[in-house]
């Protein structure tokens, strides 16, 4: 099953975050808890961990992109799984 990776809300006033760096590449294996990407807000910089085991199937938002809280930034799943359009 494909798992959505969403921009987390790390504070009460957080409305968006900037993806500074991806720590994994598309096609790379990830385990739940592995560092996936670094995000930056007006107040903090934090590392977001993978929510599930699998393969990073698709990165939707490249490094340098500012993303609203809750928006899907990537998909994790089994090799060869199809990601939603």
PDB file of N, CA and C in Angstrom:
ATOM      1  N   UNK A   1       0.837  -1.182   0.000  1.00  0.00           N
ATOM      2  CA  UNK A   1       0.000   0.000   0.000  1.00  0.00           C
ATOM      3  C   UNK A   1       0.884   1.249   0.000  1.00  0.00           C
ATOM      4  N   UNK A   2       0.552   2.208  -0.832  1.00  0.00           N
ATOM      5  CA  UNK A   2       1.306   3.456  -0.925  1.00  0.00           C
ATOM      6  C   UNK A   2       0.972   4.342   0.273  1.00  0.00           C
ATOM      7  N   UNK A   3       2.021   4.905   0.898  1.00  0.00           N
ATOM      8  CA  UNK A   3       1.863   5.784   2.052  1.00  0.00           C
ATOM      9  C   UNK A   3       2.209   7.204   1.623  1.00  0.00           C
ATOM     10  N   UNK A   4       1.323   8.133   1.948  1.00  0.00           N
ATOM     11  CA  UNK A   4       1.574   9.551   1.658  1.00  0.00           C
ATOM     12  C   UNK A   4       2.488  10.131   2.733  1.00  0.00           C
ATOM     13  N   UNK A   5       3.470  10.902   2.297  1.00  0.00           N
ATOM     14  CA  UNK A   5       4.311  11.659   3.218  1.00  0.00           C
ATOM     15  C   UNK A   5       3.831  13.100   3.111  1.00  0.00           C
ATOM     16  N   UNK A   6       3.353  13.648   4.208  1.00  0.00           N
ATOM     17  CA  UNK A   6       2.782  15.008   4.208  1.00  0.00           C
ATOM     18  C   UNK A   6       3.671  15.975   4.981  1.00  0.00           C
ATOM     19  N   UNK A   7       3.560  17.243   4.624  1.00  0.00           N
ATOM     20  CA  UNK A   7       4.246  18.296   5.374  1.00  0.00           C
ATOM     21  C   UNK A   7       3.626  18.346   6.766  1.00  0.00           C
ATOM     22  N   UNK A   8       4.424  18.081   7.805  1.00  0.00           N
ATOM     23  CA  UNK A   8       3.865  18.070   9.158  1.00  0.00           C
ATOM     24  C   UNK A   8       3.645  19.486   9.704  1.00  0.00           C
ATOM     25  N   UNK A   9       2.777  19.562  10.702  1.00  0.00           N
ATOM     26  CA  UNK A   9       2.570  20.821  11.423  1.00  0.00           C
ATOM     27  C   UNK A   9       3.352  20.705  12.725  1.00  0.00           C
ATOM     28  N   UNK A  10       4.399  21.505  12.866  1.00  0.00           N
ATOM     29  CA  UNK A  10       5.295  21.396  14.017  1.00  0.00           C
ATOM     30  C   UNK A  10       5.042  22.440  15.093  1.00  0.00           C
ATOM     31  N   UNK A  11       4.086  23.308  14.868  1.00  0.00           N
ATOM     32  CA  UNK A  11       3.763  24.323  15.866  1.00  0.00           C
ATOM     33  C   UNK A  11       2.372  24.866  15.619  1.00  0.00           C
ATOM     34  N   UNK A  12       1.801  25.498  16.625  1.00  0.00           N
ATOM     35  CA  UNK A  12       0.430  26.007  16.503  1.00  0.00           C
ATOM     36  C   UNK A  12       0.258  27.020  15.379  1.00  0.00           C
ATOM     37  N   UNK A  13       1.282  27.815  15.139  1.00  0.00           N
ATOM     38  CA  UNK A  13       1.152  28.873  14.135  1.00  0.00           C
ATOM     39  C   UNK A  13       1.745  28.492  12.779  1.00  0.00           C
ATOM     40  N   UNK A  14       2.292  27.291  12.662  1.00  0.00           N
ATOM     41  CA  UNK A  14       2.924  26.874  11.407  1.00  0.00           C
ATOM     42  C   UNK A  14       1.864  26.661  10.324  1.00  0.00           C
ATOM     43  N   UNK A  15       2.033  27.325   9.180  1.00  0.00           N
ATOM     44  CA  UNK A  15       1.115  27.164   8.057  1.00  0.00           C
ATOM     45  C   UNK A  15       1.806  26.572   6.836  1.00  0.00           C
ATOM     46  N   UNK A  16       3.149  26.649   6.816  1.00  0.00           N
ATOM     47  CA  UNK A  16       3.923  26.112   5.700  1.00  0.00           C
ATOM     48  C   UNK A  16       5.347  25.833   6.148  1.00  0.00           C
ATOM     49  N   UNK A  17       6.049  25.038   5.359  1.00  0.00           N
ATOM     50  CA  UNK A  17       7.443  24.741   5.641  1.00  0.00           C
ATOM     51  C   UNK A  17       8.204  24.640   4.334  1.00  0.00           C
ATOM     52  N   UNK A  18       9.486  24.939   4.385  1.00  0.00           N
ATOM     53  CA  UNK A  18      10.346  24.845   3.200  1.00  0.00           C
ATOM     54  C   UNK A  18      11.164  23.563   3.284  1.00  0.00           C
ATOM     55  N   UNK A  19      11.155  22.778   2.212  1.00  0.00           N
ATOM     56  CA  UNK A  19      11.987  21.583   2.153  1.00  0.00           C
ATOM     57  C   UNK A  19      13.386  22.041   1.795  1.00  0.00           C
ATOM     58  N   UNK A  20      14.320  21.880   2.726  1.00  0.00           N
ATOM     59  CA  UNK A  20      15.697  22.336   2.509  1.00  0.00           C
ATOM     60  C   UNK A  20      16.546  21.270   1.827  1.00  0.00           C
ATOM     61  N   UNK A  21      16.324  19.987   2.201  1.00  0.00           N
ATOM     62  CA  UNK A  21      17.162  18.915   1.662  1.00  0.00           C
ATOM     63  C   UNK A  21      16.450  17.579   1.816  1.00  0.00           C
ATOM     64  N   UNK A  22      16.503  16.768   0.776  1.00  0.00           N
ATOM     65  CA  UNK A  22      16.045  15.382   0.847  1.00  0.00           C
ATOM     66  C   UNK A  22      17.232  14.518   1.247  1.00  0.00           C
ATOM     67  N   UNK A  23      17.036  13.627   2.221  1.00  0.00           N
ATOM     68  CA  UNK A  23      18.104  12.742   2.674  1.00  0.00           C
ATOM     69  C   UNK A  23      18.073  11.396   1.945  1.00  0.00           C
ATOM     70  N   UNK A  24      16.982  11.122   1.254  1.00  0.00           N
ATOM     71  CA  UNK A  24      16.824   9.903   0.455  1.00  0.00           C
ATOM     72  C   UNK A  24      16.466  10.315  -0.969  1.00  0.00           C
ATOM     73  N   UNK A  25      16.770   9.414  -1.908  1.00  0.00           N
ATOM     74  CA  UNK A  25      16.440   9.659  -3.316  1.00  0.00           C
ATOM     75  C   UNK A  25      15.323   8.713  -3.744  1.00  0.00           C
ATOM     76  N   UNK A  26      14.646   9.088  -4.823  1.00  0.00           N
ATOM     77  CA  UNK A  26      13.621   8.201  -5.371  1.00  0.00           C
ATOM     78  C   UNK A  26      14.239   6.844  -5.667  1.00  0.00           C
ATOM     79  N   UNK A  27      13.522   5.788  -5.304  1.00  0.00           N
ATOM     80  CA  UNK A  27      14.002   4.434  -5.535  1.00  0.00           C
ATOM     81  C   UNK A  27      14.815   3.866  -4.389  1.00  0.00           C
ATOM     82  N   UNK A  28      15.156   4.712  -3.431  1.00  0.00           N
ATOM     83  CA  UNK A  28      15.962   4.262  -2.292  1.00  0.00           C
ATOM     84  C   UNK A  28      15.066   3.652  -1.212  1.00  0.00           C
ATOM     85  N   UNK A  29      15.576   2.598  -0.572  1.00  0.00           N
ATOM     86  CA  UNK A  29      14.847   1.946   0.513  1.00  0.00           C
ATOM     87  C   UNK A  29      14.863   2.831   1.754  1.00  0.00           C
ATOM     88  N   UNK A  30      13.720   2.873   2.454  1.00  0.00           N
ATOM     89  CA  UNK A  30      13.622   3.619   3.707  1.00  0.00           C
ATOM     90  C   UNK A  30      12.974   2.727   4.760  1.00  0.00           C
ATOM     91  N   UNK A  31      13.307   2.990   5.993  1.00  0.00           N
ATOM     92  CA  UNK A  31      12.680   2.318   7.125  1.00  0.00           C
ATOM     93  C   UNK A  31      11.975   3.384   7.948  1.00  0.00           C
ATOM     94  N   UNK A  32      10.873   3.021   8.568  1.00  0.00           N
ATOM     95  CA  UNK A  32      10.152   3.955   9.429  1.00  0.00           C
ATOM     96  C   UNK A  32      11.128   4.541  10.443  1.00  0.00           C
ATOM     97  N   UNK A  33      11.149   5.858  10.541  1.00  0.00           N
ATOM     98  CA  UNK A  33      12.038   6.534  11.476  1.00  0.00           C
ATOM     99  C   UNK A  33      13.324   7.041  10.843  1.00  0.00           C
ATOM    100  N   UNK A  34      13.639   6.585   9.610  1.00  0.00           N
ATOM    101  CA  UNK A  34      14.824   7.115   8.911  1.00  0.00           C
ATOM    102  C   UNK A  34      14.628   8.592   8.606  1.00  0.00           C
ATOM    103  N   UNK A  35      15.691   9.400   8.675  1.00  0.00           N
ATOM    104  CA  UNK A  35      15.581  10.802   8.250  1.00  0.00           C
ATOM    105  C   UNK A  35      15.210  10.848   6.766  1.00  0.00           C
ATOM    106  N   UNK A  36      14.142  11.586   6.447  1.00  0.00           N
ATOM    107  CA  UNK A  36      13.662  11.649   5.069  1.00  0.00           C
ATOM    108  C   UNK A  36      13.988  12.993   4.423  1.00  0.00           C
ATOM    109  N   UNK A  37      13.632  14.085   5.115  1.00  0.00           N
ATOM    110  CA  UNK A  37      13.978  15.410   4.600  1.00  0.00           C
ATOM    111  C   UNK A  37      14.097  16.406   5.748  1.00  0.00           C
ATOM    112  N   UNK A  38      14.800  17.493   5.466  1.00  0.00           N
ATOM    113  CA  UNK A  38      14.936  18.584   6.426  1.00  0.00           C
ATOM    114  C   UNK A  38      13.975  19.684   6.023  1.00  0.00           C
ATOM    115  N   UNK A  39      13.211  20.171   6.987  1.00  0.00           N
ATOM    116  CA  UNK A  39      12.306  21.281   6.705  1.00  0.00           C
ATOM    117  C   UNK A  39      12.685  22.471   7.566  1.00  0.00           C
ATOM    118  N   UNK A  40      12.370  23.640   7.052  1.00  0.00           N
ATOM    119  CA  UNK A  40      12.684  24.886   7.751  1.00  0.00           C
ATOM    120  C   UNK A  40      11.434  25.755   7.780  1.00  0.00           C
ATOM    121  N   UNK A  41      11.182  26.339   8.952  1.00  0.00           N
ATOM    122  CA  UNK A  41      10.098  27.302   9.096  1.00  0.00           C
ATOM    123  C   UNK A  41      10.713  28.615   9.550  1.00  0.00           C
ATOM    124  N   UNK A  42       9.866  29.585   9.842  1.00  0.00           N
ATOM    125  CA  UNK A  42      10.368  30.869  10.334  1.00  0.00           C
ATOM    126  C   UNK A  42      11.095  30.714  11.665  1.00  0.00           C
ATOM    127  N   UNK A  43      10.721  29.677  12.424  1.00  0.00           N
ATOM    128  CA  UNK A  43      11.246  29.541  13.780  1.00  0.00           C
ATOM    129  C   UNK A  43      12.224  28.385  13.982  1.00  0.00           C
ATOM    130  N   UNK A  44      12.079  27.304  13.220  1.00  0.00           N
ATOM    131  CA  UNK A  44      12.906  26.117  13.477  1.00  0.00           C
ATOM    132  C   UNK A  44      13.358  25.437  12.192  1.00  0.00           C
ATOM    133  N   UNK A  45      14.345  24.582  12.347  1.00  0.00           N
ATOM    134  CA  UNK A  45      14.758  23.634  11.314  1.00  0.00           C
ATOM    135  C   UNK A  45      14.644  22.262  11.955  1.00  0.00           C
ATOM    136  N   UNK A  46      14.013  21.311  11.251  1.00  0.00           N
ATOM    137  CA  UNK A  46      13.767  19.996  11.820  1.00  0.00           C
ATOM    138  C   UNK A  46      13.912  18.922  10.740  1.00  0.00           C
ATOM    139  N   UNK A  47      14.218  17.714  11.176  1.00  0.00           N
ATOM    140  CA  UNK A  47      14.289  16.575  10.258  1.00  0.00           C
ATOM    141  C   UNK A  47      12.998  15.786  10.364  1.00  0.00           C
ATOM    142  N   UNK A  48      12.394  15.502   9.219  1.00  0.00           N
ATOM    143  CA  UNK A  48      11.168  14.715   9.161  1.00  0.00           C
ATOM    144  C   UNK A  48      11.557  13.265   8.881  1.00  0.00           C
ATOM    145  N   UNK A  49      10.975  12.358   9.648  1.00  0.00           N
ATOM    146  CA  UNK A  49      11.294  10.937   9.516  1.00  0.00           C
ATOM    147  C   UNK A  49      10.286  10.226   8.620  1.00  0.00           C
ATOM    148  N   UNK A  50      10.731   9.148   8.005  1.00  0.00           N
ATOM    149  CA  UNK A  50       9.854   8.328   7.172  1.00  0.00           C
ATOM    150  C   UNK A  50       8.751   7.717   8.035  1.00  0.00           C
ATOM    151  N   UNK A  51       7.500   7.781   7.582  1.00  0.00           N
ATOM    152  CA  UNK A  51       6.401   7.233   8.374  1.00  0.00           C
ATOM    153  C   UNK A  51       6.201   5.729   8.220  1.00  0.00           C
ATOM    154  N   UNK A  52       6.896   5.120   7.246  1.00  0.00           N
ATOM    155  CA  UNK A  52       6.684   3.691   6.980  1.00  0.00           C
ATOM    156  C   UNK A  52       7.918   3.087   6.325  1.00  0.00           C
ATOM    157  N   UNK A  53       7.995   1.758   6.345  1.00  0.00           N
ATOM    158  CA  UNK A  53       9.036   1.034   5.628  1.00  0.00           C
ATOM    159  C   UNK A  53       8.647   0.932   4.156  1.00  0.00           C
ATOM    160  N   UNK A  54       9.652   0.899   3.286  1.00  0.00           N
ATOM    161  CA  UNK A  54       9.390   0.715   1.865  1.00  0.00           C
ATOM    162  C   UNK A  54      10.454   1.371   1.017  1.00  0.00           C
ATOM    163  N   UNK A  55      10.034   1.823  -0.151  1.00  0.00           N
ATOM    164  CA  UNK A  55      10.902   2.511  -1.097  1.00  0.00           C
ATOM    165  C   UNK A  55      10.322   3.904  -1.323  1.00  0.00           C
ATOM    166  N   UNK A  56      11.191   4.899  -1.403  1.00  0.00           N
ATOM    167  CA  UNK A  56      10.731   6.247  -1.722  1.00  0.00           C
ATOM    168  C   UNK A  56      10.357   6.242  -3.203  1.00  0.00           C
ATOM    169  N   UNK A  57       9.068   6.116  -3.470  1.00  0.00           N
ATOM    170  CA  UNK A  57       8.588   5.942  -4.843  1.00  0.00           C
ATOM    171  C   UNK A  57       8.639   7.229  -5.653  1.00  0.00           C
ATOM    172  N   UNK A  58       8.234   8.336  -5.034  1.00  0.00           N
ATOM    173  CA  UNK A  58       8.135   9.584  -5.787  1.00  0.00           C
ATOM    174  C   UNK A  58       8.270  10.774  -4.848  1.00  0.00           C
ATOM    175  N   UNK A  59       9.131  11.725  -5.229  1.00  0.00           N
ATOM    176  CA  UNK A  59       9.241  13.003  -4.527  1.00  0.00           C
ATOM    177  C   UNK A  59       8.443  14.009  -5.339  1.00  0.00           C
ATOM    178  N   UNK A  60       7.424  14.586  -4.727  1.00  0.00           N
ATOM    179  CA  UNK A  60       6.568  15.544  -5.424  1.00  0.00           C
ATOM    180  C   UNK A  60       7.073  16.979  -5.305  1.00  0.00           C
ATOM    181  N   UNK A  61       7.754  17.273  -4.205  1.00  0.00           N
ATOM    182  CA  UNK A  61       8.220  18.635  -3.941  1.00  0.00           C
ATOM    183  C   UNK A  61       9.736  18.610  -3.770  1.00  0.00           C
ATOM    184  N   UNK A  62      10.474  19.191  -4.699  1.00  0.00           N
ATOM    185  CA  UNK A  62      11.940  19.168  -4.608  1.00  0.00           C
ATOM    186  C   UNK A  62      12.467  20.100  -3.514  1.00  0.00           C
ATOM    187  N   UNK A  63      13.735  19.926  -3.169  1.00  0.00           N
ATOM    188  CA  UNK A  63      14.389  20.816  -2.208  1.00  0.00           C
ATOM    189  C   UNK A  63      14.260  22.247  -2.707  1.00  0.00           C
ATOM    190  N   UNK A  64      14.031  23.159  -1.767  1.00  0.00           N
ATOM    191  CA  UNK A  64      13.863  24.562  -2.112  1.00  0.00           C
ATOM    192  C   UNK A  64      12.409  24.972  -2.258  1.00  0.00           C
ATOM    193  N   UNK A  65      11.492  24.011  -2.185  1.00  0.00           N
ATOM    194  CA  UNK A  65      10.066  24.282  -2.345  1.00  0.00           C
ATOM    195  C   UNK A  65       9.430  24.579  -0.992  1.00  0.00           C
ATOM    196  N   UNK A  66       8.558  25.578  -0.952  1.00  0.00           N
ATOM    197  CA  UNK A  66       7.762  25.873   0.238  1.00  0.00           C
ATOM    198  C   UNK A  66       6.407  25.217   0.054  1.00  0.00           C
ATOM    199  N   UNK A  67       5.976  24.477   1.084  1.00  0.00           N
ATOM    200  CA  UNK A  67       4.793  23.637   0.981  1.00  0.00           C
ATOM    201  C   UNK A  67       3.842  23.920   2.144  1.00  0.00           C
ATOM    202  N   UNK A  68       2.531  24.043   1.875  1.00  0.00           N
ATOM    203  CA  UNK A  68       1.568  24.215   2.960  1.00  0.00           C
ATOM    204  C   UNK A  68       1.509  22.976   3.851  1.00  0.00           C
ATOM    205  N   UNK A  69       1.205  23.172   5.121  1.00  0.00           N
ATOM    206  CA  UNK A  69       1.037  22.075   6.070  1.00  0.00           C
ATOM    207  C   UNK A  69      -0.035  21.127   5.542  1.00  0.00           C
ATOM    208  N   UNK A  70       0.242  19.829   5.630  1.00  0.00           N
ATOM    209  CA  UNK A  70      -0.727  18.817   5.232  1.00  0.00           C
ATOM    210  C   UNK A  70      -0.635  18.381   3.784  1.00  0.00           C
ATOM    211  N   UNK A  71       0.107  19.108   2.957  1.00  0.00           N
ATOM    212  CA  UNK A  71       0.220  18.743   1.543  1.00  0.00           C
ATOM    213  C   UNK A  71       1.155  17.548   1.375  1.00  0.00           C
ATOM    214  N   UNK A  72       0.817  16.676   0.433  1.00  0.00           N
ATOM    215  CA  UNK A  72       1.643  15.494   0.154  1.00  0.00           C
ATOM    216  C   UNK A  72       2.927  15.945  -0.527  1.00  0.00           C
ATOM    217  N   UNK A  73       4.069  15.494   0.014  1.00  0.00           N
ATOM    218  CA  UNK A  73       5.370  15.860  -0.557  1.00  0.00           C
ATOM    219  C   UNK A  73       6.067  14.669  -1.211  1.00  0.00           C
ATOM    220  N   UNK A  74       5.629  13.435  -0.864  1.00  0.00           N
ATOM    221  CA  UNK A  74       6.265  12.234  -1.421  1.00  0.00           C
ATOM    222  C   UNK A  74       5.383  11.028  -1.142  1.00  0.00           C
ATOM    223  N   UNK A  75       5.757   9.908  -1.787  1.00  0.00           N
ATOM    224  CA  UNK A  75       5.076   8.637  -1.558  1.00  0.00           C
ATOM    225  C   UNK A  75       6.104   7.552  -1.246  1.00  0.00           C
ATOM    226  N   UNK A  76       5.750   6.685  -0.291  1.00  0.00           N
ATOM    227  CA  UNK A  76       6.559   5.524   0.062  1.00  0.00           C
ATOM    228  C   UNK A  76       5.689   4.286  -0.188  1.00  0.00           C
ATOM    229  N   UNK A  77       6.299   3.244  -0.739  1.00  0.00           N
ATOM    230  CA  UNK A  77       5.539   2.019  -0.975  1.00  0.00           C
ATOM    231  C   UNK A  77       6.475   0.883  -1.341  1.00  0.00           C
ATOM    232  N   UNK A  78       5.898  -0.154  -1.928  1.00  0.00           N
ATOM    233  CA  UNK A  78       6.679  -1.293  -2.386  1.00  0.00           C
ATOM    234  C   UNK A  78       7.230  -0.987  -3.782  1.00  0.00           C
ATOM    235  N   UNK A  79       8.377  -1.562  -4.127  1.00  0.00           N
ATOM    236  CA  UNK A  79       8.926  -1.329  -5.464  1.00  0.00           C
ATOM    237  C   UNK A  79       7.903  -1.651  -6.554  1.00  0.00           C
ATOM    238  N   UNK A  80       7.752  -0.750  -7.505  1.00  0.00           N
ATOM    239  CA  UNK A  80       6.842  -0.967  -8.625  1.00  0.00           C
ATOM    240  C   UNK A  80       5.415  -0.542  -8.390  1.00  0.00           C
ATOM    241  N   UNK A  81       5.071  -0.158  -7.153  1.00  0.00           N
ATOM    242  CA  UNK A  81       3.701   0.302  -6.898  1.00  0.00           C
ATOM    243  C   UNK A  81       3.447   1.608  -7.642  1.00  0.00           C
ATOM    244  N   UNK A  82       2.202   1.804  -8.040  1.00  0.00           N
ATOM    245  CA  UNK A  82       1.820   3.009  -8.756  1.00  0.00           C
ATOM    246  C   UNK A  82       1.394   4.079  -7.759  1.00  0.00           C
ATOM    247  N   UNK A  83       1.891   5.293  -7.975  1.00  0.00           N
ATOM    248  CA  UNK A  83       1.513   6.402  -7.092  1.00  0.00           C
ATOM    249  C   UNK A  83       0.323   7.147  -7.698  1.00  0.00           C
ATOM    250  N   UNK A  84      -0.520   7.748  -6.854  1.00  0.00           N
ATOM    251  CA  UNK A  84      -1.655   8.510  -7.372  1.00  0.00           C
ATOM    252  C   UNK A  84      -1.199   9.691  -8.230  1.00  0.00           C
ATOM    253  N   UNK A  85      -2.032  10.078  -9.148  1.00  0.00           N
ATOM    254  CA  UNK A  85      -1.712  11.222 -10.034  1.00  0.00           C
ATOM    255  C   UNK A  85      -1.901  12.519  -9.290  1.00  0.00           C
TER     256      UNK A  85
END
